[in-house]
Amino acid sequence: MTTQETAKTLFLDVNGSNIAYRLIGNGTNSSPPLLMLNHVRSTIDTWDPEVINNLTATGRQLITYDYTGLGHSSGSVAPSIRVFALNLLAFLHQLLPTLHTQQVDVLGFSMGGYVAQQLVLDTPNVVRKLVLSGTGPSLGPNLQRPMNEVQSTVFNPNPGLPTIDAFFPSFTTGDEGAAWFNRSTTSRSGVAGKNGEPEIALFTTGEALIKLTAAYLSWDADPTPYSLLQTIQKDVLVTSGDNDLVVPTQNSFVLARQLSRANFIMLPSSGHGHLFQYPQYFAKAVGEFLDGKLPTAPFSAGQIPPLGS
């Protein structure tokens, strides 16, 4: 079975952009594949193998994906989260028929959670279930802003120790952050640059980072997605660390409360990187949720037409 360390990098031409993705693991049940949307500045090379490989062990196929213009994907970086979602939808419209499915489950971490929310608002028929981790809604009531120092660290052109501390507050997580950073930046070292595989693409910087920052912050200032959250009639699992400095824990709780069919899990002594700190438990919870083993709302408010229809 393929893993984060060994999966082949694939490319799909979508509207003139060469989009990089990987298919990892083999689905062993009738569930659709799980689409993995990573955090701001990330690439398909920087997924933590502990999370990826524990998720495939639950019996499902994963799709990892580089956003247009980032990582190994060519094209222009989208100017907004809405365009990120539109680019993703164009990719899915081409990929899913080759996988003989019409839907995906979606796991969005951090900025990936923003893209996931926008995707399901725009095209609910493509998404079966949602996992939203270390993420929050767009502009709305009862939200907390991250400290300016944390926000600046996340978008620092040269990520390093402060970035690790933003994801893993060292006073509660000890050496967990350094271990995560090492796993995430070296997992592809055994195959990178060999047999047609690209070299490792690490964290986004330069001109692309400026565009990425604008899209990220524009979402934070847009009240429309927040106002539409209660129209999402999907089963959702929201997860958070109890001390998230990047997307404050309060915001994840507000997100869960705005989603009528959401479960909320908060993990102890952890921050933004809670899923990487507890990868086995996280993967087990996600697997059970996707398999319908967590509590679900006893009713649905019905289907909501896609935004703009």
C-alpha atoms as a PDB file:
ATOM      1  CA  MET A   1       0.000   0.000   0.000  1.00  0.00           C
ATOM      2  CA  THR A   2       1.303   3.458  -0.850  1.00  0.00           C
ATOM      3  CA  THR A   3       2.199   5.885   1.921  1.00  0.00           C
ATOM      4  CA  GLN A   4       3.031   9.574   2.269  1.00  0.00           C
ATOM      5  CA  GLU A   5       6.675   8.582   1.848  1.00  0.00           C
ATOM      6  CA  THR A   6       6.220   6.500  -1.325  1.00  0.00           C
ATOM      7  CA  ALA A   7       3.116   7.655  -3.252  1.00  0.00           C
ATOM      8  CA  LYS A   8       3.710   8.705  -6.850  1.00  0.00           C
ATOM      9  CA  THR A   9       3.230  12.361  -7.733  1.00  0.00           C
ATOM     10  CA  LEU A  10       0.568  12.710 -10.428  1.00  0.00           C
ATOM     11  CA  PHE A  11      -0.449  15.685 -12.562  1.00  0.00           C
ATOM     12  CA  LEU A  12      -3.714  16.736 -14.157  1.00  0.00           C
ATOM     13  CA  ASP A  13      -4.104  19.547 -16.693  1.00  0.00           C
ATOM     14  CA  VAL A  14      -6.928  21.748 -15.419  1.00  0.00           C
ATOM     15  CA  ASN A  15      -7.773  24.878 -17.392  1.00  0.00           C
ATOM     16  CA  GLY A  16      -4.171  25.201 -18.530  1.00  0.00           C
ATOM     17  CA  SER A  17      -2.581  24.625 -15.114  1.00  0.00           C
ATOM     18  CA  ASN A  18      -0.676  21.450 -14.285  1.00  0.00           C
ATOM     19  CA  ILE A  19      -2.112  20.392 -10.907  1.00  0.00           C
ATOM     20  CA  ALA A  20      -0.099  18.072  -8.660  1.00  0.00           C
ATOM     21  CA  TYR A  21      -1.801  15.446  -6.519  1.00  0.00           C
ATOM     22  CA  ARG A  22      -1.268  11.994  -5.011  1.00  0.00           C
ATOM     23  CA  LEU A  23      -3.512   8.985  -4.414  1.00  0.00           C
ATOM     24  CA  ILE A  24      -2.463   7.341  -1.154  1.00  0.00           C
ATOM     25  CA  GLY A  25      -3.757   4.067   0.249  1.00  0.00           C
ATOM     26  CA  ASN A  26      -6.466   1.738  -0.962  1.00  0.00           C
ATOM     27  CA  GLY A  27     -10.106   2.150  -0.068  1.00  0.00           C
ATOM     28  CA  THR A  28     -11.537  -0.994   1.515  1.00  0.00           C
ATOM     29  CA  ASN A  29     -15.137   0.111   1.956  1.00  0.00           C
ATOM     30  CA  SER A  30     -17.805   1.956   0.022  1.00  0.00           C
ATOM     31  CA  SER A  31     -16.833   5.389   1.351  1.00  0.00           C
ATOM     32  CA  PRO A  32     -15.636   7.970  -1.182  1.00  0.00           C
ATOM     33  CA  PRO A  33     -11.979   9.041  -1.137  1.00  0.00           C
ATOM     34  CA  LEU A  34     -10.874  11.547   1.498  1.00  0.00           C
ATOM     35  CA  LEU A  35      -9.593  14.792   0.004  1.00  0.00           C
ATOM     36  CA  MET A  36      -6.881  16.391   2.159  1.00  0.00           C
ATOM     37  CA  LEU A  37      -6.616  20.210   2.095  1.00  0.00           C
ATOM     38  CA  ASN A  38      -3.544  21.415   3.951  1.00  0.00           C
ATOM     39  CA  HIS A  39      -2.664  24.593   5.830  1.00  0.00           C
ATOM     40  CA  VAL A  40      -1.521  27.936   4.481  1.00  0.00           C
ATOM     41  CA  ARG A  41       1.984  27.802   2.879  1.00  0.00           C
ATOM     42  CA  SER A  42       1.974  23.989   2.808  1.00  0.00           C
ATOM     43  CA  THR A  43       2.476  21.526  -0.045  1.00  0.00           C
ATOM     44  CA  ILE A  44       1.665  17.860  -0.626  1.00  0.00           C
ATOM     45  CA  ASP A  45       5.237  17.145   0.478  1.00  0.00           C
ATOM     46  CA  THR A  46       4.734  18.648   3.947  1.00  0.00           C
ATOM     47  CA  TRP A  47       1.828  16.528   5.147  1.00  0.00           C
ATOM     48  CA  ASP A  48       2.760  14.723   8.355  1.00  0.00           C
ATOM     49  CA  PRO A  49       3.177  11.028   7.452  1.00  0.00           C
ATOM     50  CA  GLU A  50       1.870  10.057  10.895  1.00  0.00           C
ATOM     51  CA  VAL A  51      -1.498  11.587  10.023  1.00  0.00           C
ATOM     52  CA  ILE A  52      -1.617  10.436   6.401  1.00  0.00           C
ATOM     53  CA  ASN A  53      -0.583   6.849   7.077  1.00  0.00           C
ATOM     54  CA  ASN A  54      -2.837   6.451  10.109  1.00  0.00           C
ATOM     55  CA  LEU A  55      -5.781   7.692   8.042  1.00  0.00           C
ATOM     56  CA  THR A  56      -5.122   5.193   5.244  1.00  0.00           C
ATOM     57  CA  ALA A  57      -4.975   2.481   7.916  1.00  0.00           C
ATOM     58  CA  THR A  58      -8.669   3.164   8.606  1.00  0.00           C
ATOM     59  CA  GLY A  59      -9.425   1.692   5.179  1.00  0.00           C
ATOM     60  CA  ARG A  60      -9.829   4.650   2.863  1.00  0.00           C
ATOM     61  CA  GLN A  61      -8.026   6.196  -0.077  1.00  0.00           C
ATOM     62  CA  LEU A  62      -6.646   9.707   0.352  1.00  0.00           C
ATOM     63  CA  ILE A  63      -6.209  12.451  -2.250  1.00  0.00           C
ATOM     64  CA  THR A  64      -3.562  15.047  -1.418  1.00  0.00           C
ATOM     65  CA  TYR A  65      -3.604  18.140  -3.583  1.00  0.00           C
ATOM     66  CA  ASP A  66      -1.409  21.181  -4.260  1.00  0.00           C
ATOM     67  CA  TYR A  67      -3.460  24.338  -4.700  1.00  0.00           C
ATOM     68  CA  THR A  68      -3.060  26.040  -8.087  1.00  0.00           C
ATOM     69  CA  GLY A  69       0.213  27.966  -8.223  1.00  0.00           C
ATOM     70  CA  LEU A  70       1.589  26.410  -5.029  1.00  0.00           C
ATOM     71  CA  GLY A  71       3.870  23.466  -4.336  1.00  0.00           C
ATOM     72  CA  HIS A  72       4.273  21.401  -7.496  1.00  0.00           C
ATOM     73  CA  SER A  73       1.198  22.894  -9.215  1.00  0.00           C
ATOM     74  CA  SER A  74       1.614  25.501 -11.924  1.00  0.00           C
ATOM     75  CA  GLY A  75      -0.631  28.489 -12.568  1.00  0.00           C
ATOM     76  CA  SER A  76      -1.464  31.664 -10.668  1.00  0.00           C
ATOM     77  CA  VAL A  77      -2.163  31.737  -6.931  1.00  0.00           C
ATOM     78  CA  ALA A  78      -5.868  32.437  -6.414  1.00  0.00           C
ATOM     79  CA  PRO A  79      -6.732  35.955  -5.162  1.00  0.00           C
ATOM     80  CA  SER A  80      -9.430  34.700  -2.767  1.00  0.00           C
ATOM     81  CA  ILE A  81     -10.616  31.591  -0.952  1.00  0.00           C
ATOM     82  CA  ARG A  82     -13.631  31.576  -3.266  1.00  0.00           C
ATOM     83  CA  VAL A  83     -11.319  31.201  -6.280  1.00  0.00           C
ATOM     84  CA  PHE A  84      -9.284  28.563  -4.416  1.00  0.00           C
ATOM     85  CA  ALA A  85     -12.533  26.591  -4.116  1.00  0.00           C
ATOM     86  CA  LEU A  86     -13.453  27.147  -7.768  1.00  0.00           C
ATOM     87  CA  ASN A  87     -10.032  25.897  -8.872  1.00  0.00           C
ATOM     88  CA  LEU A  88     -10.438  22.862  -6.628  1.00  0.00           C
ATOM     89  CA  LEU A  89     -13.869  22.137  -8.074  1.00  0.00           C
ATOM     90  CA  ALA A  90     -12.489  22.214 -11.623  1.00  0.00           C
ATOM     91  CA  PHE A  91      -9.833  19.712 -10.528  1.00  0.00           C
ATOM     92  CA  LEU A  92     -12.435  17.416  -8.933  1.00  0.00           C
ATOM     93  CA  HIS A  93     -14.661  17.515 -11.992  1.00  0.00           C
ATOM     94  CA  GLN A  94     -11.800  16.023 -13.976  1.00  0.00           C
ATOM     95  CA  LEU A  95     -10.434  13.625 -11.361  1.00  0.00           C
ATOM     96  CA  LEU A  96     -13.536  12.051  -9.824  1.00  0.00           C
ATOM     97  CA  PRO A  97     -14.818  10.309 -12.980  1.00  0.00           C
ATOM     98  CA  THR A  98     -11.469   8.515 -13.235  1.00  0.00           C
ATOM     99  CA  LEU A  99     -12.008   7.240  -9.675  1.00  0.00           C
ATOM    100  CA  HIS A 100     -15.604   6.153 -10.485  1.00  0.00           C
ATOM    101  CA  THR A 101     -17.148   8.396  -7.845  1.00  0.00           C
ATOM    102  CA  GLN A 102     -19.168  11.601  -7.806  1.00  0.00           C
ATOM    103  CA  GLN A 103     -18.330  12.678  -4.262  1.00  0.00           C
ATOM    104  CA  VAL A 104     -15.477  13.072  -1.802  1.00  0.00           C
ATOM    105  CA  ASP A 105     -15.191  13.380   1.925  1.00  0.00           C
ATOM    106  CA  VAL A 106     -13.082  16.449   2.723  1.00  0.00           C
ATOM    107  CA  LEU A 107     -10.591  17.083   5.533  1.00  0.00           C
ATOM    108  CA  GLY A 108      -9.531  20.721   5.713  1.00  0.00           C
ATOM    109  CA  PHE A 109      -6.815  21.808   8.117  1.00  0.00           C
ATOM    110  CA  SER A 110      -6.370  25.523   8.909  1.00  0.00           C
ATOM    111  CA  MET A 111      -6.679  27.424   5.594  1.00  0.00           C
ATOM    112  CA  GLY A 112      -7.742  24.095   4.072  1.00  0.00           C
ATOM    113  CA  GLY A 113     -10.800  24.369   6.297  1.00  0.00           C
ATOM    114  CA  TYR A 114     -11.624  27.736   4.737  1.00  0.00           C
ATOM    115  CA  VAL A 115     -11.438  26.190   1.267  1.00  0.00           C
ATOM    116  CA  ALA A 116     -13.537  23.217   2.407  1.00  0.00           C
ATOM    117  CA  GLN A 117     -16.284  25.490   3.767  1.00  0.00           C
ATOM    118  CA  GLN A 118     -16.376  27.493   0.561  1.00  0.00           C
ATOM    119  CA  LEU A 119     -16.441  24.323  -1.547  1.00  0.00           C
ATOM    120  CA  VAL A 120     -19.442  22.870   0.259  1.00  0.00           C
ATOM    121  CA  LEU A 121     -21.278  26.209   0.172  1.00  0.00           C
ATOM    122  CA  ASP A 122     -20.767  26.489  -3.588  1.00  0.00           C
ATOM    123  CA  THR A 123     -21.245  22.832  -4.588  1.00  0.00           C
ATOM    124  CA  PRO A 124     -22.772  20.756  -1.777  1.00  0.00           C
ATOM    125  CA  ASN A 125     -23.446  17.805  -4.083  1.00  0.00           C
ATOM    126  CA  VAL A 126     -19.697  17.102  -4.431  1.00  0.00           C
ATOM    127  CA  VAL A 127     -19.098  16.717  -0.681  1.00  0.00           C
ATOM    128  CA  ARG A 128     -20.428  13.848   1.443  1.00  0.00           C
ATOM    129  CA  LYS A 129     -18.912  14.633   4.878  1.00  0.00           C
ATOM    130  CA  LEU A 130     -16.562  17.296   6.250  1.00  0.00           C
ATOM    131  CA  VAL A 131     -13.725  17.241   8.779  1.00  0.00           C
ATOM    132  CA  LEU A 132     -12.613  20.749   9.790  1.00  0.00           C
ATOM    133  CA  SER A 133      -9.472  20.836  11.934  1.00  0.00           C
ATOM    134  CA  GLY A 134      -7.707  23.826  13.458  1.00  0.00           C
ATOM    135  CA  THR A 135      -9.915  26.175  11.492  1.00  0.00           C
ATOM    136  CA  GLY A 136     -12.711  28.667  11.978  1.00  0.00           C
ATOM    137  CA  PRO A 137     -15.401  30.606  10.158  1.00  0.00           C
ATOM    138  CA  SER A 138     -14.993  33.867   8.273  1.00  0.00           C
ATOM    139  CA  LEU A 139     -15.866  37.217   9.854  1.00  0.00           C
ATOM    140  CA  GLY A 140     -18.715  37.004  12.346  1.00  0.00           C
ATOM    141  CA  PRO A 141     -19.809  37.400  15.966  1.00  0.00           C
ATOM    142  CA  ASN A 142     -18.000  35.918  18.986  1.00  0.00           C
ATOM    143  CA  LEU A 143     -14.678  35.298  17.213  1.00  0.00           C
ATOM    144  CA  GLN A 144     -11.227  36.010  18.623  1.00  0.00           C
ATOM    145  CA  ARG A 145      -8.320  37.440  16.669  1.00  0.00           C
ATOM    146  CA  PRO A 146      -4.923  35.717  16.953  1.00  0.00           C
ATOM    147  CA  MET A 147      -2.140  37.772  18.490  1.00  0.00           C
ATOM    148  CA  ASN A 148      -0.363  40.003  15.961  1.00  0.00           C
ATOM    149  CA  GLU A 149       2.915  38.251  16.769  1.00  0.00           C
ATOM    150  CA  VAL A 150       1.428  34.868  15.905  1.00  0.00           C
ATOM    151  CA  GLN A 151      -0.067  36.122  12.647  1.00  0.00           C
ATOM    152  CA  SER A 152       3.272  37.644  11.669  1.00  0.00           C
ATOM    153  CA  THR A 153       5.062  34.398  12.478  1.00  0.00           C
ATOM    154  CA  VAL A 154       2.721  32.341  10.286  1.00  0.00           C
ATOM    155  CA  PHE A 155       3.531  34.535   7.280  1.00  0.00           C
ATOM    156  CA  ASN A 156       7.236  35.016   8.041  1.00  0.00           C
ATOM    157  CA  PRO A 157       9.171  34.535   4.768  1.00  0.00           C
ATOM    158  CA  ASN A 158      11.598  32.238   6.601  1.00  0.00           C
ATOM    159  CA  PRO A 159       9.682  29.719   8.733  1.00  0.00           C
ATOM    160  CA  GLY A 160      11.584  28.155  11.587  1.00  0.00           C
ATOM    161  CA  LEU A 161      11.437  27.778  15.383  1.00  0.00           C
ATOM    162  CA  PRO A 162       8.793  30.522  15.886  1.00  0.00           C
ATOM    163  CA  THR A 163       6.569  28.756  13.337  1.00  0.00           C
ATOM    164  CA  ILE A 164       6.907  25.508  15.272  1.00  0.00           C
ATOM    165  CA  ASP A 165       5.984  27.306  18.503  1.00  0.00           C
ATOM    166  CA  ALA A 166       2.902  28.807  16.831  1.00  0.00           C
ATOM    167  CA  PHE A 167       1.687  25.309  15.917  1.00  0.00           C
ATOM    168  CA  PHE A 168       2.930  23.623  19.114  1.00  0.00           C
ATOM    169  CA  PRO A 169       3.123  25.937  22.161  1.00  0.00           C
ATOM    170  CA  SER A 170       6.272  24.522  23.745  1.00  0.00           C
ATOM    171  CA  PHE A 171       5.148  25.174  27.320  1.00  0.00           C
ATOM    172  CA  THR A 172       2.460  22.487  26.880  1.00  0.00           C
ATOM    173  CA  THR A 173       3.733  20.298  24.031  1.00  0.00           C
ATOM    174  CA  GLY A 174       7.463  19.958  24.806  1.00  0.00           C
ATOM    175  CA  ASP A 175       9.423  18.530  21.880  1.00  0.00           C
ATOM    176  CA  GLU A 176       6.351  17.468  19.879  1.00  0.00           C
ATOM    177  CA  GLY A 177       6.685  20.457  17.552  1.00  0.00           C
ATOM    178  CA  ALA A 178      10.257  19.742  16.526  1.00  0.00           C
ATOM    179  CA  ALA A 179       9.373  16.102  15.858  1.00  0.00           C
ATOM    180  CA  TRP A 180       6.427  17.173  13.669  1.00  0.00           C
ATOM    181  CA  PHE A 181       8.527  19.660  11.705  1.00  0.00           C
ATOM    182  CA  ASN A 182      11.198  17.033  11.036  1.00  0.00           C
ATOM    183  CA  ARG A 183       8.662  14.406   9.899  1.00  0.00           C
ATOM    184  CA  SER A 184       6.798  16.855   7.696  1.00  0.00           C
ATOM    185  CA  THR A 185       9.831  18.253   5.913  1.00  0.00           C
ATOM    186  CA  THR A 186      11.733  14.999   5.335  1.00  0.00           C
ATOM    187  CA  SER A 187       9.111  12.315   4.651  1.00  0.00           C
ATOM    188  CA  ARG A 188       9.727  12.454   0.877  1.00  0.00           C
ATOM    189  CA  SER A 189      13.521  12.443   1.097  1.00  0.00           C
ATOM    190  CA  GLY A 190      13.733   8.788   0.075  1.00  0.00           C
ATOM    191  CA  VAL A 191      12.068   9.347  -3.310  1.00  0.00           C
ATOM    192  CA  ALA A 192      12.551  13.046  -4.092  1.00  0.00           C
ATOM    193  CA  GLY A 193      14.475  13.633  -7.310  1.00  0.00           C
ATOM    194  CA  LYS A 194      14.417   9.949  -8.264  1.00  0.00           C
ATOM    195  CA  ASN A 195      12.467   8.041 -10.941  1.00  0.00           C
ATOM    196  CA  GLY A 196      10.693  11.150 -12.149  1.00  0.00           C
ATOM    197  CA  GLU A 197       9.651  12.364  -8.712  1.00  0.00           C
ATOM    198  CA  PRO A 198      10.072  16.114  -8.110  1.00  0.00           C
ATOM    199  CA  GLU A 199      12.372  17.529  -5.486  1.00  0.00           C
ATOM    200  CA  ILE A 200      10.748  18.370  -2.140  1.00  0.00           C
ATOM    201  CA  ALA A 201       8.664  21.552  -2.203  1.00  0.00           C
ATOM    202  CA  LEU A 202       8.663  23.082   1.262  1.00  0.00           C
ATOM    203  CA  PHE A 203       6.841  26.137   2.557  1.00  0.00           C
ATOM    204  CA  THR A 204       5.591  28.832   0.170  1.00  0.00           C
ATOM    205  CA  THR A 205       7.575  32.061   0.072  1.00  0.00           C
ATOM    206  CA  GLY A 206       8.306  34.980  -2.265  1.00  0.00           C
ATOM    207  CA  GLU A 207       5.652  36.564  -4.500  1.00  0.00           C
ATOM    208  CA  ALA A 208       3.331  33.568  -4.093  1.00  0.00           C
ATOM    209  CA  LEU A 209       3.322  34.122  -0.318  1.00  0.00           C
ATOM    210  CA  ILE A 210       2.170  37.729  -0.765  1.00  0.00           C
ATOM    211  CA  LYS A 211      -0.793  36.588  -2.880  1.00  0.00           C
ATOM    212  CA  LEU A 212      -1.552  33.761  -0.475  1.00  0.00           C
ATOM    213  CA  THR A 213      -1.565  36.143   2.493  1.00  0.00           C
ATOM    214  CA  ALA A 214      -4.036  38.442   0.720  1.00  0.00           C
ATOM    215  CA  ALA A 215      -6.434  35.560   0.026  1.00  0.00           C
ATOM    216  CA  TYR A 216      -6.179  34.286   3.606  1.00  0.00           C
ATOM    217  CA  LEU A 217      -6.789  37.674   5.228  1.00  0.00           C
ATOM    218  CA  SER A 218      -9.597  38.568   2.796  1.00  0.00           C
ATOM    219  CA  TRP A 219     -11.515  35.480   3.994  1.00  0.00           C
ATOM    220  CA  ASP A 220     -11.084  36.648   7.585  1.00  0.00           C
ATOM    221  CA  ALA A 221     -12.746  39.952   6.632  1.00  0.00           C
ATOM    222  CA  ASP A 222     -15.686  38.507   4.650  1.00  0.00           C
ATOM    223  CA  PRO A 223     -18.952  38.030   6.604  1.00  0.00           C
ATOM    224  CA  THR A 224     -20.783  36.145   3.838  1.00  0.00           C
ATOM    225  CA  PRO A 225     -19.474  32.569   4.390  1.00  0.00           C
ATOM    226  CA  TYR A 226     -20.152  32.873   8.153  1.00  0.00           C
ATOM    227  CA  SER A 227     -23.726  33.997   7.510  1.00  0.00           C
ATOM    228  CA  LEU A 228     -24.344  30.920   5.330  1.00  0.00           C
ATOM    229  CA  LEU A 229     -22.888  28.245   7.637  1.00  0.00           C
ATOM    230  CA  GLN A 230     -26.301  27.181   8.928  1.00  0.00           C
ATOM    231  CA  THR A 231     -27.301  26.266   5.372  1.00  0.00           C
ATOM    232  CA  ILE A 232     -24.691  23.463   5.303  1.00  0.00           C
ATOM    233  CA  GLN A 233     -26.678  20.261   5.757  1.00  0.00           C
ATOM    234  CA  LYS A 234     -23.737  17.868   6.024  1.00  0.00           C
ATOM    235  CA  ASP A 235     -22.350  15.764   8.841  1.00  0.00           C
ATOM    236  CA  VAL A 236     -19.264  17.609  10.094  1.00  0.00           C
ATOM    237  CA  LEU A 237     -16.496  16.835  12.566  1.00  0.00           C
ATOM    238  CA  VAL A 238     -14.721  19.909  13.963  1.00  0.00           C
ATOM    239  CA  THR A 239     -11.468  19.326  15.886  1.00  0.00           C
ATOM    240  CA  SER A 240      -9.239  21.713  17.793  1.00  0.00           C
ATOM    241  CA  GLY A 241      -6.430  21.909  20.297  1.00  0.00           C
ATOM    242  CA  ASP A 242      -7.325  23.488  23.624  1.00  0.00           C
ATOM    243  CA  ASN A 243      -4.772  26.282  23.111  1.00  0.00           C
ATOM    244  CA  ASP A 244      -4.678  27.091  19.400  1.00  0.00           C
ATOM    245  CA  LEU A 245      -2.690  30.281  18.860  1.00  0.00           C
ATOM    246  CA  VAL A 246      -3.111  30.446  15.061  1.00  0.00           C
ATOM    247  CA  VAL A 247      -6.887  29.930  14.838  1.00  0.00           C
ATOM    248  CA  PRO A 248      -8.044  30.525  18.410  1.00  0.00           C
ATOM    249  CA  THR A 249      -9.871  27.555  19.908  1.00  0.00           C
ATOM    250  CA  GLN A 250     -12.929  29.745  20.531  1.00  0.00           C
ATOM    251  CA  ASN A 251     -13.317  30.169  16.758  1.00  0.00           C
ATOM    252  CA  SER A 252     -13.422  26.422  16.136  1.00  0.00           C
ATOM    253  CA  PHE A 253     -16.137  26.099  18.776  1.00  0.00           C
ATOM    254  CA  VAL A 254     -18.130  28.938  17.165  1.00  0.00           C
ATOM    255  CA  LEU A 255     -17.763  27.160  13.816  1.00  0.00           C
ATOM    256  CA  ALA A 256     -19.133  23.932  15.271  1.00  0.00           C
ATOM    257  CA  ARG A 257     -22.078  25.757  16.857  1.00  0.00           C
ATOM    258  CA  GLN A 258     -22.997  27.349  13.513  1.00  0.00           C
ATOM    259  CA  LEU A 259     -23.087  23.953  11.777  1.00  0.00           C
ATOM    260  CA  SER A 260     -26.322  22.137  12.560  1.00  0.00           C
ATOM    261  CA  ARG A 261     -24.870  18.630  12.105  1.00  0.00           C
ATOM    262  CA  ALA A 262     -21.445  19.024  13.746  1.00  0.00           C
ATOM    263  CA  ASN A 263     -19.530  17.062  16.363  1.00  0.00           C
ATOM    264  CA  PHE A 264     -16.775  18.963  18.209  1.00  0.00           C
ATOM    265  CA  ILE A 265     -13.612  17.381  19.641  1.00  0.00           C
ATOM    266  CA  MET A 266     -11.031  19.385  21.618  1.00  0.00           C
ATOM    267  CA  LEU A 267      -7.727  17.698  22.434  1.00  0.00           C
ATOM    268  CA  PRO A 268      -5.805  18.527  25.635  1.00  0.00           C
ATOM    269  CA  SER A 269      -2.436  20.284  26.012  1.00  0.00           C
ATOM    270  CA  SER A 270      -2.285  20.986  22.296  1.00  0.00           C
ATOM    271  CA  GLY A 271      -2.538  23.819  19.819  1.00  0.00           C
ATOM    272  CA  HIS A 272      -2.913  24.344  16.095  1.00  0.00           C
ATOM    273  CA  GLY A 273      -1.024  21.114  15.411  1.00  0.00           C
ATOM    274  CA  HIS A 274      -3.277  18.936  17.593  1.00  0.00           C
ATOM    275  CA  LEU A 275      -3.877  16.434  14.777  1.00  0.00           C
ATOM    276  CA  PHE A 276      -0.119  15.932  14.427  1.00  0.00           C
ATOM    277  CA  GLN A 277       0.382  15.648  18.193  1.00  0.00           C
ATOM    278  CA  TYR A 278      -2.229  12.887  18.519  1.00  0.00           C
ATOM    279  CA  PRO A 279      -2.171  11.302  15.036  1.00  0.00           C
ATOM    280  CA  GLN A 280      -3.422   7.849  16.027  1.00  0.00           C
ATOM    281  CA  TYR A 281      -6.347   9.130  18.075  1.00  0.00           C
ATOM    282  CA  PHE A 282      -7.142  11.774  15.465  1.00  0.00           C
ATOM    283  CA  ALA A 283      -7.177   9.224  12.631  1.00  0.00           C
ATOM    284  CA  LYS A 284      -9.346   6.863  14.678  1.00  0.00           C
ATOM    285  CA  ALA A 285     -11.865   9.625  15.419  1.00  0.00           C
ATOM    286  CA  VAL A 286     -11.949  10.715  11.780  1.00  0.00           C
ATOM    287  CA  GLY A 287     -12.374   7.124  10.597  1.00  0.00           C
ATOM    288  CA  GLU A 288     -15.232   6.489  13.018  1.00  0.00           C
ATOM    289  CA  PHE A 289     -16.912   9.739  12.013  1.00  0.00           C
ATOM    290  CA  LEU A 290     -16.672   8.963   8.299  1.00  0.00           C
ATOM    291  CA  ASP A 291     -17.985   5.444   8.964  1.00  0.00           C
ATOM    292  CA  GLY A 292     -21.053   6.846  10.730  1.00  0.00           C
ATOM    293  CA  LYS A 293     -20.073   5.761  14.253  1.00  0.00           C
ATOM    294  CA  LEU A 294     -20.281   9.190  15.914  1.00  0.00           C
ATOM    295  CA  PRO A 295     -23.589  10.759  16.965  1.00  0.00           C
ATOM    296  CA  THR A 296     -25.491  12.522  14.191  1.00  0.00           C
ATOM    297  CA  ALA A 297     -28.352  15.008  14.239  1.00  0.00           C
ATOM    298  CA  PRO A 298     -31.734  13.210  14.165  1.00  0.00           C
ATOM    299  CA  PHE A 299     -32.974  15.353  11.283  1.00  0.00           C
ATOM    300  CA  SER A 300     -31.862  17.514   8.401  1.00  0.00           C
ATOM    301  CA  ALA A 301     -33.221  20.889   7.384  1.00  0.00           C
ATOM    302  CA  GLY A 302     -33.212  19.637   3.814  1.00  0.00           C
ATOM    303  CA  GLN A 303     -31.080  20.477   0.834  1.00  0.00           C
ATOM    304  CA  ILE A 304     -29.931  24.042   0.270  1.00  0.00           C
ATOM    305  CA  PRO A 305     -29.346  25.194  -3.301  1.00  0.00           C
ATOM    306  CA  PRO A 306     -25.725  26.102  -4.097  1.00  0.00           C
ATOM    307  CA  LEU A 307     -24.676  29.696  -3.487  1.00  0.00           C
ATOM    308  CA  GLY A 308     -25.622  31.897  -6.443  1.00  0.00           C
ATOM    309  CA  SER A 309     -28.113  29.460  -7.973  1.00  0.00           C
END
